[in-house]
Protein backbone atom coordinates (compact mmCIF):
# COMPACT_ATOMS: atom_id res chain seq x y z
CA MET A 1 3.28 3.65 -22.14
CA PRO A 2 -0.69 3.86 -22.53
CA GLY A 3 -2.37 6.84 -20.83
CA TRP A 4 -4.54 4.74 -18.44
CA LEU A 5 -1.35 3.27 -17.11
CA HIS A 6 0.36 6.48 -16.22
CA GLY A 7 -1.84 7.05 -13.13
CA PHE A 8 -0.79 3.74 -11.77
CA ALA A 9 2.75 4.35 -12.62
CA ASP A 10 2.93 7.70 -10.89
CA HIS A 11 1.29 6.53 -7.74
CA GLN A 12 2.23 2.81 -7.37
CA PRO A 13 2.74 1.65 -3.82
CA LEU A 14 6.29 0.19 -3.75
CA THR A 15 8.34 3.43 -4.51
CA PRO A 16 7.38 5.18 -1.20
CA VAL A 17 8.29 1.97 0.74
CA ILE A 18 11.56 1.73 -1.18
CA GLU A 19 12.34 5.49 -0.64
CA SER A 20 11.61 5.35 3.11
CA LEU A 21 13.80 2.14 3.54
CA ARG A 22 16.74 3.56 1.53
CA ALA A 23 16.47 7.02 3.58
CA LEU A 24 16.40 4.90 6.85
CA LEU A 25 19.34 2.93 5.78
CA LEU A 26 21.33 5.69 4.50
CA ALA A 27 20.70 8.23 7.37
CA GLN A 28 18.93 10.64 5.15
CA PRO A 29 15.66 12.74 5.33
CA ALA A 30 12.84 10.71 4.08
CA GLY A 31 10.62 13.46 3.41
CA ASP A 32 6.98 12.52 3.22
CA ALA A 33 7.79 8.92 1.63
CA PRO A 34 6.99 7.13 4.92
CA TRP A 35 3.69 8.86 5.33
CA VAL A 36 2.75 7.84 1.78
CA ALA A 37 4.07 4.39 2.42
CA LEU A 38 2.03 4.18 5.47
CA ALA A 39 -1.22 5.24 3.71
CA TRP A 40 -0.66 2.58 1.02
CA CYS A 41 -0.26 0.07 3.72
CA VAL A 42 -3.48 1.17 5.62
CA ALA A 43 -5.38 1.45 2.26
CA SER A 44 -4.45 -2.03 1.04
CA VAL A 45 -5.79 -3.49 4.25
CA TRP A 46 -8.85 -1.45 4.85
CA CYS A 47 -10.12 -1.13 1.14
CA PRO A 48 -10.89 -4.87 0.76
CA TRP A 49 -12.54 -5.10 4.19
CA PRO A 50 -16.07 -5.10 2.87
CA TRP A 51 -15.31 -8.15 0.72
CA ARG A 52 -13.92 -10.49 3.61
CA PRO A 53 -15.43 -13.63 4.36
CA SER A 54 -18.20 -13.15 7.09
CA SER A 55 -16.51 -15.94 9.38
CA SER A 56 -13.34 -17.90 9.81
CA ASN A 57 -14.88 -20.84 8.32
CA GLY A 58 -15.81 -19.32 5.04
CA GLY A 59 -19.50 -18.72 5.76
CA ARG A 60 -20.26 -22.48 5.89
CA GLY A 61 -22.79 -24.03 8.62
CA ARG A 62 -21.27 -24.58 12.13
């Protein structure tokens, strides 16, 4: 695996979500996986916020 891809592979968003669900379904301690999953969810909504359309009609006239 190329070096630049290691950072994403080590910190990709799906693993904490899956680990949280697995721990919940198997009644095991989840550790910090739910918090990491929540942070990924918040970041995936909040980070693109500046690039959202300015209005619901795509910025066109009325």
